[in-house]
Amino acid sequence: MLQEGIKIYFDFQEPLEHRIWLSGGTESVKGRSTADYPYSELAIKPMKPWRAPSEKEIKMLVANDVPKNEDFSSNIAVTKIPEELIKQLQELGVSDLKSKESVLSFYKTQAYEKSFELIDEFVCKYQFSAEKKAYYNYFVDQPDLDVVTLNYNKERVGLHIDNRDQLSVYDSQNGTSIFLLNLSSEDRYFLFVNQSASNIIDWIQDKKGEKLPGNYTVEYINKDFSDCFPEYNVVKLRIKPYEAYIAPAENIIHDGSTEGSSLPGLKFMAGGYFWLLNN
């Protein structure tokens, strides 16, 4: 059921085998719980099993040429963290951060300040506008989670659209991106539906035969989309250790995943207007 939409651009040459998978659709997880937290009322997640995409689907998903800065909201970029930066972060003890408590203790050290400066220097190379730049800092995700994001009620939200920018869902293409660095020793995954919020709204309206209200919010779009198009594939994108991705999280249904990992997964996340300016 996959259709043309959001594309992935790899900022390096590497075989695509074992990089991308597709779900059988989405499913509601209302009333279910993970090992540590319950799912929210509106939570959905990908329906397993995962499968490898066909050649036709790969062509739909992967961009061969570098997308332009102005197309950041309809593309995802995967890039590598420089070897020198990896070495410097490891020397500062970043790879030893395995829990929320260790991260909070690290924040009080000069090593943290130096690591932040180094990461800021790296991130700024991809920044094409200083507007709305924000750092969400280091986080540790528990291993082997299908979806990772928690809301303020300590519930797993599942696949969702961010709204840190407080934009109307109808203006979500103007929202910022997330820039996430995988600083763990294991793979993590970026899960997403390869359609923009505006496309999804149009599809839901066509399916329901009615216009959605002007005050419609991102809180409901994931569940409504899943209800209307339960067989639409979710994309699972592998992010290897010391790789990073830029994604328009205000414009696509998405989440992170640590499925299959055995150790806590450290990440560093920033928000803003980023793209591949070093190309």
C-alpha atoms as a PDB file:
ATOM      1  CA  MET A   1       0.000   0.000   0.000  1.00  0.00           C
ATOM      2  CA  LEU A   2       3.065   2.244   0.215  1.00  0.00           C
ATOM      3  CA  GLN A   3       2.888   5.401  -1.916  1.00  0.00           C
ATOM      4  CA  GLU A   4       5.354   8.109  -2.936  1.00  0.00           C
ATOM      5  CA  GLY A   5       6.009  10.634  -0.194  1.00  0.00           C
ATOM      6  CA  ILE A   6       8.716  11.385   2.367  1.00  0.00           C
ATOM      7  CA  LYS A   7      12.119  10.129   1.235  1.00  0.00           C
ATOM      8  CA  ILE A   8      15.351   9.061   2.950  1.00  0.00           C
ATOM      9  CA  TYR A   9      18.730  10.364   1.835  1.00  0.00           C
ATOM     10  CA  PHE A  10      21.908   8.619   3.002  1.00  0.00           C
ATOM     11  CA  ASP A  11      24.824  11.048   3.273  1.00  0.00           C
ATOM     12  CA  PHE A  12      27.326   8.254   2.524  1.00  0.00           C
ATOM     13  CA  GLN A  13      27.713   5.293   0.203  1.00  0.00           C
ATOM     14  CA  GLU A  14      26.583   1.988   1.679  1.00  0.00           C
ATOM     15  CA  PRO A  15      24.441  -0.986   0.612  1.00  0.00           C
ATOM     16  CA  LEU A  16      20.785  -0.562   1.592  1.00  0.00           C
ATOM     17  CA  GLU A  17      20.390  -4.199   2.593  1.00  0.00           C
ATOM     18  CA  HIS A  18      19.281  -4.505   6.233  1.00  0.00           C
ATOM     19  CA  ARG A  19      18.670  -0.744   6.417  1.00  0.00           C
ATOM     20  CA  ILE A  20      14.933  -0.432   5.755  1.00  0.00           C
ATOM     21  CA  TRP A  21      11.926  -2.571   6.637  1.00  0.00           C
ATOM     22  CA  LEU A  22       8.156  -2.190   6.267  1.00  0.00           C
ATOM     23  CA  SER A  23       5.430  -3.149   8.718  1.00  0.00           C
ATOM     24  CA  GLY A  24       2.162  -4.825   7.810  1.00  0.00           C
ATOM     25  CA  GLY A  25       0.319  -1.676   8.880  1.00  0.00           C
ATOM     26  CA  THR A  26      -0.547  -0.163  12.254  1.00  0.00           C
ATOM     27  CA  GLU A  27      -2.561  -1.261  15.260  1.00  0.00           C
ATOM     28  CA  SER A  28      -4.083   0.318  18.339  1.00  0.00           C
ATOM     29  CA  VAL A  29      -2.420  -0.571  21.637  1.00  0.00           C
ATOM     30  CA  LYS A  30      -5.097   0.984  23.822  1.00  0.00           C
ATOM     31  CA  GLY A  31      -5.263  -0.804  27.163  1.00  0.00           C
ATOM     32  CA  ARG A  32      -1.862  -2.458  26.756  1.00  0.00           C
ATOM     33  CA  SER A  33       1.346  -1.769  28.655  1.00  0.00           C
ATOM     34  CA  THR A  34       5.064  -2.046  28.095  1.00  0.00           C
ATOM     35  CA  ALA A  35       7.248  -3.516  30.824  1.00  0.00           C
ATOM     36  CA  ASP A  36       7.508  -0.154  32.561  1.00  0.00           C
ATOM     37  CA  TYR A  37       4.741   2.191  31.341  1.00  0.00           C
ATOM     38  CA  PRO A  38       1.215   1.884  29.918  1.00  0.00           C
ATOM     39  CA  TYR A  39       0.323   3.071  26.443  1.00  0.00           C
ATOM     40  CA  SER A  40      -1.738   6.225  26.071  1.00  0.00           C
ATOM     41  CA  GLU A  41      -5.404   6.077  25.079  1.00  0.00           C
ATOM     42  CA  LEU A  42      -4.687   7.000  21.446  1.00  0.00           C
ATOM     43  CA  ALA A  43      -1.435   5.081  20.992  1.00  0.00           C
ATOM     44  CA  ILE A  44      -0.751   3.077  17.854  1.00  0.00           C
ATOM     45  CA  LYS A  45       2.349   1.183  16.809  1.00  0.00           C
ATOM     46  CA  PRO A  46       3.563  -0.763  13.775  1.00  0.00           C
ATOM     47  CA  MET A  47       2.017  -4.153  13.126  1.00  0.00           C
ATOM     48  CA  LYS A  48       4.588  -6.919  12.890  1.00  0.00           C
ATOM     49  CA  PRO A  49       6.166  -8.815  11.248  1.00  0.00           C
ATOM     50  CA  TRP A  50       8.597  -6.503   9.496  1.00  0.00           C
ATOM     51  CA  ARG A  51       9.561  -7.316   5.904  1.00  0.00           C
ATOM     52  CA  ALA A  52      12.184  -6.104   3.468  1.00  0.00           C
ATOM     53  CA  PRO A  53      10.894  -3.618   0.881  1.00  0.00           C
ATOM     54  CA  SER A  54      10.673  -4.504  -2.800  1.00  0.00           C
ATOM     55  CA  GLU A  55      12.844  -2.733  -5.381  1.00  0.00           C
ATOM     56  CA  LYS A  56       9.839  -0.621  -6.332  1.00  0.00           C
ATOM     57  CA  GLU A  57       9.286   0.361  -2.691  1.00  0.00           C
ATOM     58  CA  ILE A  58      12.994   1.195  -2.258  1.00  0.00           C
ATOM     59  CA  LYS A  59      12.707   3.618  -5.180  1.00  0.00           C
ATOM     60  CA  MET A  60       9.715   5.235  -3.482  1.00  0.00           C
ATOM     61  CA  LEU A  61      11.618   5.640  -0.225  1.00  0.00           C
ATOM     62  CA  VAL A  62      15.219   6.503  -1.076  1.00  0.00           C
ATOM     63  CA  ALA A  63      16.421   9.764  -2.643  1.00  0.00           C
ATOM     64  CA  ASN A  64      19.461   9.393  -4.889  1.00  0.00           C
ATOM     65  CA  ASP A  65      20.303  13.096  -5.021  1.00  0.00           C
ATOM     66  CA  VAL A  66      20.766  15.483  -2.109  1.00  0.00           C
ATOM     67  CA  PRO A  67      17.428  17.217  -1.449  1.00  0.00           C
ATOM     68  CA  LYS A  68      17.499  21.004  -1.309  1.00  0.00           C
ATOM     69  CA  ASN A  69      17.343  22.910   1.984  1.00  0.00           C
ATOM     70  CA  GLU A  70      13.830  24.114   1.223  1.00  0.00           C
ATOM     71  CA  ASP A  71      12.678  20.488   0.949  1.00  0.00           C
ATOM     72  CA  PHE A  72      13.797  19.577   4.469  1.00  0.00           C
ATOM     73  CA  SER A  73      10.204  18.982   5.635  1.00  0.00           C
ATOM     74  CA  SER A  74       9.663  16.203   3.104  1.00  0.00           C
ATOM     75  CA  ASN A  75      12.942  14.339   3.561  1.00  0.00           C
ATOM     76  CA  ILE A  76      14.943  12.430   6.164  1.00  0.00           C
ATOM     77  CA  ALA A  77      18.747  12.474   6.140  1.00  0.00           C
ATOM     78  CA  VAL A  78      21.097   9.900   7.643  1.00  0.00           C
ATOM     79  CA  THR A  79      24.692  10.982   8.240  1.00  0.00           C
ATOM     80  CA  LYS A  80      27.763   9.766  10.124  1.00  0.00           C
ATOM     81  CA  ILE A  81      29.323  11.342  13.211  1.00  0.00           C
ATOM     82  CA  PRO A  82      33.009  12.130  12.466  1.00  0.00           C
ATOM     83  CA  GLU A  83      35.572   9.708  13.890  1.00  0.00           C
ATOM     84  CA  GLU A  84      37.406  12.498  15.717  1.00  0.00           C
ATOM     85  CA  LEU A  85      34.212  13.605  17.472  1.00  0.00           C
ATOM     86  CA  ILE A  86      33.441  10.013  18.467  1.00  0.00           C
ATOM     87  CA  LYS A  87      36.920   9.668  19.975  1.00  0.00           C
ATOM     88  CA  GLN A  88      36.612  12.959  21.873  1.00  0.00           C
ATOM     89  CA  LEU A  89      33.195  12.055  23.289  1.00  0.00           C
ATOM     90  CA  GLN A  90      34.421   8.646  24.388  1.00  0.00           C
ATOM     91  CA  GLU A  91      37.409  10.227  26.143  1.00  0.00           C
ATOM     92  CA  LEU A  92      34.988  12.513  28.000  1.00  0.00           C
ATOM     93  CA  GLY A  93      33.054   9.482  29.282  1.00  0.00           C
ATOM     94  CA  VAL A  94      29.906   9.860  27.191  1.00  0.00           C
ATOM     95  CA  SER A  95      29.845   6.153  26.342  1.00  0.00           C
ATOM     96  CA  ASP A  96      29.565   5.367  30.071  1.00  0.00           C
ATOM     97  CA  LEU A  97      26.146   7.042  30.349  1.00  0.00           C
ATOM     98  CA  LYS A  98      23.749   4.132  30.813  1.00  0.00           C
ATOM     99  CA  SER A  99      20.909   5.608  32.888  1.00  0.00           C
ATOM    100  CA  LYS A 100      18.968   8.788  33.587  1.00  0.00           C
ATOM    101  CA  GLU A 101      20.823   9.100  36.890  1.00  0.00           C
ATOM    102  CA  SER A 102      24.242   8.905  35.225  1.00  0.00           C
ATOM    103  CA  VAL A 103      23.183  11.566  32.715  1.00  0.00           C
ATOM    104  CA  LEU A 104      21.998  13.900  35.486  1.00  0.00           C
ATOM    105  CA  SER A 105      25.314  13.466  37.308  1.00  0.00           C
ATOM    106  CA  PHE A 106      27.226  14.065  34.064  1.00  0.00           C
ATOM    107  CA  TYR A 107      25.432  17.406  33.595  1.00  0.00           C
ATOM    108  CA  LYS A 108      27.275  18.738  36.664  1.00  0.00           C
ATOM    109  CA  THR A 109      30.735  18.102  35.239  1.00  0.00           C
ATOM    110  CA  GLN A 110      33.163  20.015  33.037  1.00  0.00           C
ATOM    111  CA  ALA A 111      33.277  16.936  30.797  1.00  0.00           C
ATOM    112  CA  TYR A 112      29.597  17.534  30.016  1.00  0.00           C
ATOM    113  CA  GLU A 113      30.253  21.181  29.125  1.00  0.00           C
ATOM    114  CA  LYS A 114      33.053  20.154  26.770  1.00  0.00           C
ATOM    115  CA  SER A 115      30.949  17.394  25.183  1.00  0.00           C
ATOM    116  CA  PHE A 116      28.102  19.857  24.639  1.00  0.00           C
ATOM    117  CA  GLU A 117      30.466  22.303  22.924  1.00  0.00           C
ATOM    118  CA  LEU A 118      31.747  19.564  20.609  1.00  0.00           C
ATOM    119  CA  ILE A 119      28.271  18.356  19.686  1.00  0.00           C
ATOM    120  CA  ASP A 120      27.060  21.924  19.205  1.00  0.00           C
ATOM    121  CA  GLU A 121      29.907  22.549  16.769  1.00  0.00           C
ATOM    122  CA  PHE A 122      28.935  19.430  14.819  1.00  0.00           C
ATOM    123  CA  VAL A 123      25.200  20.203  14.806  1.00  0.00           C
ATOM    124  CA  CYS A 124      25.730  23.825  13.720  1.00  0.00           C
ATOM    125  CA  LYS A 125      27.330  22.600  10.490  1.00  0.00           C
ATOM    126  CA  TYR A 126      23.867  21.417   9.451  1.00  0.00           C
ATOM    127  CA  GLN A 127      21.900  24.461  10.596  1.00  0.00           C
ATOM    128  CA  PHE A 128      20.436  26.637   7.848  1.00  0.00           C
ATOM    129  CA  SER A 129      18.422  28.905  10.182  1.00  0.00           C
ATOM    130  CA  ALA A 130      19.053  29.888  13.801  1.00  0.00           C
ATOM    131  CA  GLU A 131      15.311  30.296  14.389  1.00  0.00           C
ATOM    132  CA  LYS A 132      13.801  27.988  17.031  1.00  0.00           C
ATOM    133  CA  LYS A 133      17.040  26.141  17.667  1.00  0.00           C
ATOM    134  CA  ALA A 134      16.772  24.095  20.856  1.00  0.00           C
ATOM    135  CA  TYR A 135      18.744  21.378  22.586  1.00  0.00           C
ATOM    136  CA  TYR A 136      16.940  18.499  24.250  1.00  0.00           C
ATOM    137  CA  ASN A 137      20.273  17.051  25.369  1.00  0.00           C
ATOM    138  CA  TYR A 138      21.257  13.503  26.358  1.00  0.00           C
ATOM    139  CA  PHE A 139      18.644  10.820  26.924  1.00  0.00           C
ATOM    140  CA  VAL A 140      18.879   7.124  27.721  1.00  0.00           C
ATOM    141  CA  ASP A 141      16.245   4.802  26.251  1.00  0.00           C
ATOM    142  CA  GLN A 142      15.614   1.382  27.722  1.00  0.00           C
ATOM    143  CA  PRO A 143      16.606  -1.555  25.517  1.00  0.00           C
ATOM    144  CA  ASP A 144      14.280  -3.594  23.309  1.00  0.00           C
ATOM    145  CA  LEU A 145      11.368  -1.159  23.129  1.00  0.00           C
ATOM    146  CA  ASP A 146       9.066  -1.169  20.085  1.00  0.00           C
ATOM    147  CA  VAL A 147       8.432   2.567  20.650  1.00  0.00           C
ATOM    148  CA  VAL A 148      10.199   4.901  23.079  1.00  0.00           C
ATOM    149  CA  THR A 149       8.443   8.259  23.522  1.00  0.00           C
ATOM    150  CA  LEU A 150       6.735   9.114  26.812  1.00  0.00           C
ATOM    151  CA  ASN A 151       4.205  11.886  27.381  1.00  0.00           C
ATOM    152  CA  TYR A 152       3.876  14.035  30.481  1.00  0.00           C
ATOM    153  CA  ASN A 153       1.577  11.427  32.033  1.00  0.00           C
ATOM    154  CA  LYS A 154       4.342   8.797  31.797  1.00  0.00           C
ATOM    155  CA  GLU A 155       2.554   6.911  29.033  1.00  0.00           C
ATOM    156  CA  ARG A 156       4.064   5.532  25.840  1.00  0.00           C
ATOM    157  CA  VAL A 157       2.520   7.579  23.040  1.00  0.00           C
ATOM    158  CA  GLY A 158       3.482   5.290  20.160  1.00  0.00           C
ATOM    159  CA  LEU A 159       3.583   6.708  16.641  1.00  0.00           C
ATOM    160  CA  HIS A 160       2.879  10.433  16.808  1.00  0.00           C
ATOM    161  CA  ILE A 161       3.593  13.889  15.370  1.00  0.00           C
ATOM    162  CA  ASP A 162       5.594  16.311  17.522  1.00  0.00           C
ATOM    163  CA  ASN A 163       4.201  19.723  18.386  1.00  0.00           C
ATOM    164  CA  ARG A 164       7.041  21.453  20.209  1.00  0.00           C
ATOM    165  CA  ASP A 165       6.588  24.415  17.870  1.00  0.00           C
ATOM    166  CA  GLN A 166       2.907  24.787  18.842  1.00  0.00           C
ATOM    167  CA  LEU A 167       1.834  25.046  15.201  1.00  0.00           C
ATOM    168  CA  SER A 168      -1.539  24.182  13.769  1.00  0.00           C
ATOM    169  CA  VAL A 169      -1.452  20.732  12.192  1.00  0.00           C
ATOM    170  CA  TYR A 170      -2.366  22.518   8.952  1.00  0.00           C
ATOM    171  CA  ASP A 171       0.951  24.413   9.103  1.00  0.00           C
ATOM    172  CA  SER A 172       3.129  21.512  10.177  1.00  0.00           C
ATOM    173  CA  GLN A 173       5.316  21.640   7.054  1.00  0.00           C
ATOM    174  CA  ASN A 174       6.812  24.819   8.544  1.00  0.00           C
ATOM    175  CA  GLY A 175       7.864  23.092  11.753  1.00  0.00           C
ATOM    176  CA  THR A 176      11.384  22.318  12.881  1.00  0.00           C
ATOM    177  CA  SER A 177      13.226  19.032  12.505  1.00  0.00           C
ATOM    178  CA  ILE A 178      14.889  16.840  15.078  1.00  0.00           C
ATOM    179  CA  PHE A 179      18.584  16.034  14.832  1.00  0.00           C
ATOM    180  CA  LEU A 180      19.270  12.814  16.739  1.00  0.00           C
ATOM    181  CA  LEU A 181      22.713  11.336  17.375  1.00  0.00           C
ATOM    182  CA  ASN A 182      22.917   7.634  18.222  1.00  0.00           C
ATOM    183  CA  LEU A 183      25.696   7.558  20.834  1.00  0.00           C
ATOM    184  CA  SER A 184      25.090   3.979  21.953  1.00  0.00           C
ATOM    185  CA  SER A 185      26.975   0.824  20.982  1.00  0.00           C
ATOM    186  CA  GLU A 186      23.891  -0.747  19.393  1.00  0.00           C
ATOM    187  CA  ASP A 187      21.509   0.013  16.566  1.00  0.00           C
ATOM    188  CA  ARG A 188      18.384   2.063  17.099  1.00  0.00           C
ATOM    189  CA  TYR A 189      15.561   2.687  14.637  1.00  0.00           C
ATOM    190  CA  PHE A 190      13.529   5.575  13.343  1.00  0.00           C
ATOM    191  CA  LEU A 191       9.931   4.603  12.609  1.00  0.00           C
ATOM    192  CA  PHE A 192       7.798   6.761  10.344  1.00  0.00           C
ATOM    193  CA  VAL A 193       4.888   6.950   7.949  1.00  0.00           C
ATOM    194  CA  ASN A 194       6.202   8.337   4.668  1.00  0.00           C
ATOM    195  CA  GLN A 195       3.416  10.879   4.194  1.00  0.00           C
ATOM    196  CA  SER A 196       3.280  14.511   5.307  1.00  0.00           C
ATOM    197  CA  ALA A 197       0.671  15.696   7.773  1.00  0.00           C
ATOM    198  CA  SER A 198      -1.150  17.602   5.006  1.00  0.00           C
ATOM    199  CA  ASN A 199      -1.374  14.459   2.843  1.00  0.00           C
ATOM    200  CA  ILE A 200      -2.641  12.426   5.766  1.00  0.00           C
ATOM    201  CA  ILE A 201      -5.289  15.030   6.565  1.00  0.00           C
ATOM    202  CA  ASP A 202      -6.455  14.976   2.935  1.00  0.00           C
ATOM    203  CA  TRP A 203      -6.608  11.181   2.973  1.00  0.00           C
ATOM    204  CA  ILE A 204      -8.596  11.082   6.223  1.00  0.00           C
ATOM    205  CA  GLN A 205     -11.049  13.694   4.915  1.00  0.00           C
ATOM    206  CA  ASP A 206     -11.533  11.775   1.656  1.00  0.00           C
ATOM    207  CA  LYS A 207     -12.034   8.523   3.547  1.00  0.00           C
ATOM    208  CA  LYS A 208     -14.540  10.006   6.004  1.00  0.00           C
ATOM    209  CA  GLY A 209     -16.247  12.145   3.361  1.00  0.00           C
ATOM    210  CA  GLU A 210     -16.116  15.197   5.588  1.00  0.00           C
ATOM    211  CA  LYS A 211     -13.783  18.081   6.359  1.00  0.00           C
ATOM    212  CA  LEU A 212     -11.844  17.960   9.593  1.00  0.00           C
ATOM    213  CA  PRO A 213     -12.413  20.885  11.981  1.00  0.00           C
ATOM    214  CA  GLY A 214     -10.145  23.920  11.946  1.00  0.00           C
ATOM    215  CA  ASN A 215      -9.010  23.172  15.507  1.00  0.00           C
ATOM    216  CA  TYR A 216      -8.027  19.584  14.656  1.00  0.00           C
ATOM    217  CA  THR A 217      -4.751  18.702  16.424  1.00  0.00           C
ATOM    218  CA  VAL A 218      -1.854  16.307  16.017  1.00  0.00           C
ATOM    219  CA  GLU A 219      -3.065  14.471  19.118  1.00  0.00           C
ATOM    220  CA  TYR A 220      -5.669  12.613  17.045  1.00  0.00           C
ATOM    221  CA  ILE A 221      -4.055  12.311  13.614  1.00  0.00           C
ATOM    222  CA  ASN A 222      -2.144   9.101  14.310  1.00  0.00           C
ATOM    223  CA  LYS A 223      -5.205   7.201  15.576  1.00  0.00           C
ATOM    224  CA  ASP A 224      -7.474   8.568  12.841  1.00  0.00           C
ATOM    225  CA  PHE A 225      -4.940   7.601  10.192  1.00  0.00           C
ATOM    226  CA  SER A 226      -4.590   4.096  11.614  1.00  0.00           C
ATOM    227  CA  ASP A 227      -8.373   3.681  11.799  1.00  0.00           C
ATOM    228  CA  CYS A 228      -8.820   4.802   8.191  1.00  0.00           C
ATOM    229  CA  PHE A 229      -5.751   3.099   6.692  1.00  0.00           C
ATOM    230  CA  PRO A 230      -4.768   0.218   9.004  1.00  0.00           C
ATOM    231  CA  GLU A 231      -2.772  -1.560   6.285  1.00  0.00           C
ATOM    232  CA  TYR A 232      -0.536   1.390   5.370  1.00  0.00           C
ATOM    233  CA  ASN A 233       3.103   0.473   5.960  1.00  0.00           C
ATOM    234  CA  VAL A 234       5.303   2.021   8.621  1.00  0.00           C
ATOM    235  CA  VAL A 235       8.965   2.403   7.634  1.00  0.00           C
ATOM    236  CA  LYS A 236      11.648   1.140  10.002  1.00  0.00           C
ATOM    237  CA  LEU A 237      15.001   2.839   9.363  1.00  0.00           C
ATOM    238  CA  ARG A 238      18.149   1.432  10.958  1.00  0.00           C
ATOM    239  CA  ILE A 239      20.473   3.980  12.585  1.00  0.00           C
ATOM    240  CA  LYS A 240      23.791   2.383  13.435  1.00  0.00           C
ATOM    241  CA  PRO A 241      26.009   3.384  16.387  1.00  0.00           C
ATOM    242  CA  TYR A 242      27.516   6.849  15.873  1.00  0.00           C
ATOM    243  CA  GLU A 243      25.200   7.732  13.043  1.00  0.00           C
ATOM    244  CA  ALA A 244      22.700  10.581  13.187  1.00  0.00           C
ATOM    245  CA  TYR A 245      19.489  11.491  11.427  1.00  0.00           C
ATOM    246  CA  ILE A 246      17.581  14.656  10.631  1.00  0.00           C
ATOM    247  CA  ALA A 247      13.818  14.234  10.384  1.00  0.00           C
ATOM    248  CA  PRO A 248      10.798  16.583  10.063  1.00  0.00           C
ATOM    249  CA  ALA A 249       9.193  15.367  13.272  1.00  0.00           C
ATOM    250  CA  GLU A 250       6.546  18.134  13.221  1.00  0.00           C
ATOM    251  CA  ASN A 251       5.342  16.955   9.811  1.00  0.00           C
ATOM    252  CA  ILE A 252       5.333  13.136   9.941  1.00  0.00           C
ATOM    253  CA  ILE A 253       3.922  10.371  12.113  1.00  0.00           C
ATOM    254  CA  HIS A 254       6.974   8.777  13.726  1.00  0.00           C
ATOM    255  CA  ASP A 255       8.745   7.434  16.815  1.00  0.00           C
ATOM    256  CA  GLY A 256      12.046   5.902  17.864  1.00  0.00           C
ATOM    257  CA  SER A 257      12.651   2.248  18.642  1.00  0.00           C
ATOM    258  CA  THR A 258      15.328   0.215  20.423  1.00  0.00           C
ATOM    259  CA  GLU A 259      13.864  -3.113  19.331  1.00  0.00           C
ATOM    260  CA  GLY A 260      16.346  -5.978  19.556  1.00  0.00           C
ATOM    261  CA  SER A 261      18.918  -4.151  21.678  1.00  0.00           C
ATOM    262  CA  SER A 262      20.223  -5.497  24.982  1.00  0.00           C
ATOM    263  CA  LEU A 263      21.782  -2.359  26.491  1.00  0.00           C
ATOM    264  CA  PRO A 264      20.410   1.100  27.384  1.00  0.00           C
ATOM    265  CA  GLY A 265      20.620   3.350  24.332  1.00  0.00           C
ATOM    266  CA  LEU A 266      22.161   6.809  24.665  1.00  0.00           C
ATOM    267  CA  LYS A 267      21.087   9.549  22.280  1.00  0.00           C
ATOM    268  CA  PHE A 268      21.574  13.293  21.974  1.00  0.00           C
ATOM    269  CA  MET A 269      18.791  15.314  20.395  1.00  0.00           C
ATOM    270  CA  ALA A 270      18.484  18.856  19.068  1.00  0.00           C
ATOM    271  CA  GLY A 271      15.625  20.684  17.394  1.00  0.00           C
ATOM    272  CA  GLY A 272      15.771  23.322  14.690  1.00  0.00           C
ATOM    273  CA  TYR A 273      16.116  23.906  10.976  1.00  0.00           C
ATOM    274  CA  PHE A 274      18.800  21.496   9.849  1.00  0.00           C
ATOM    275  CA  TRP A 275      19.903  20.009   6.537  1.00  0.00           C
ATOM    276  CA  LEU A 276      23.000  18.769   4.731  1.00  0.00           C
ATOM    277  CA  LEU A 277      24.859  22.048   4.363  1.00  0.00           C
ATOM    278  CA  ASN A 278      28.227  20.312   4.330  1.00  0.00           C
ATOM    279  CA  ASN A 279      27.482  18.762   0.951  1.00  0.00           C
END
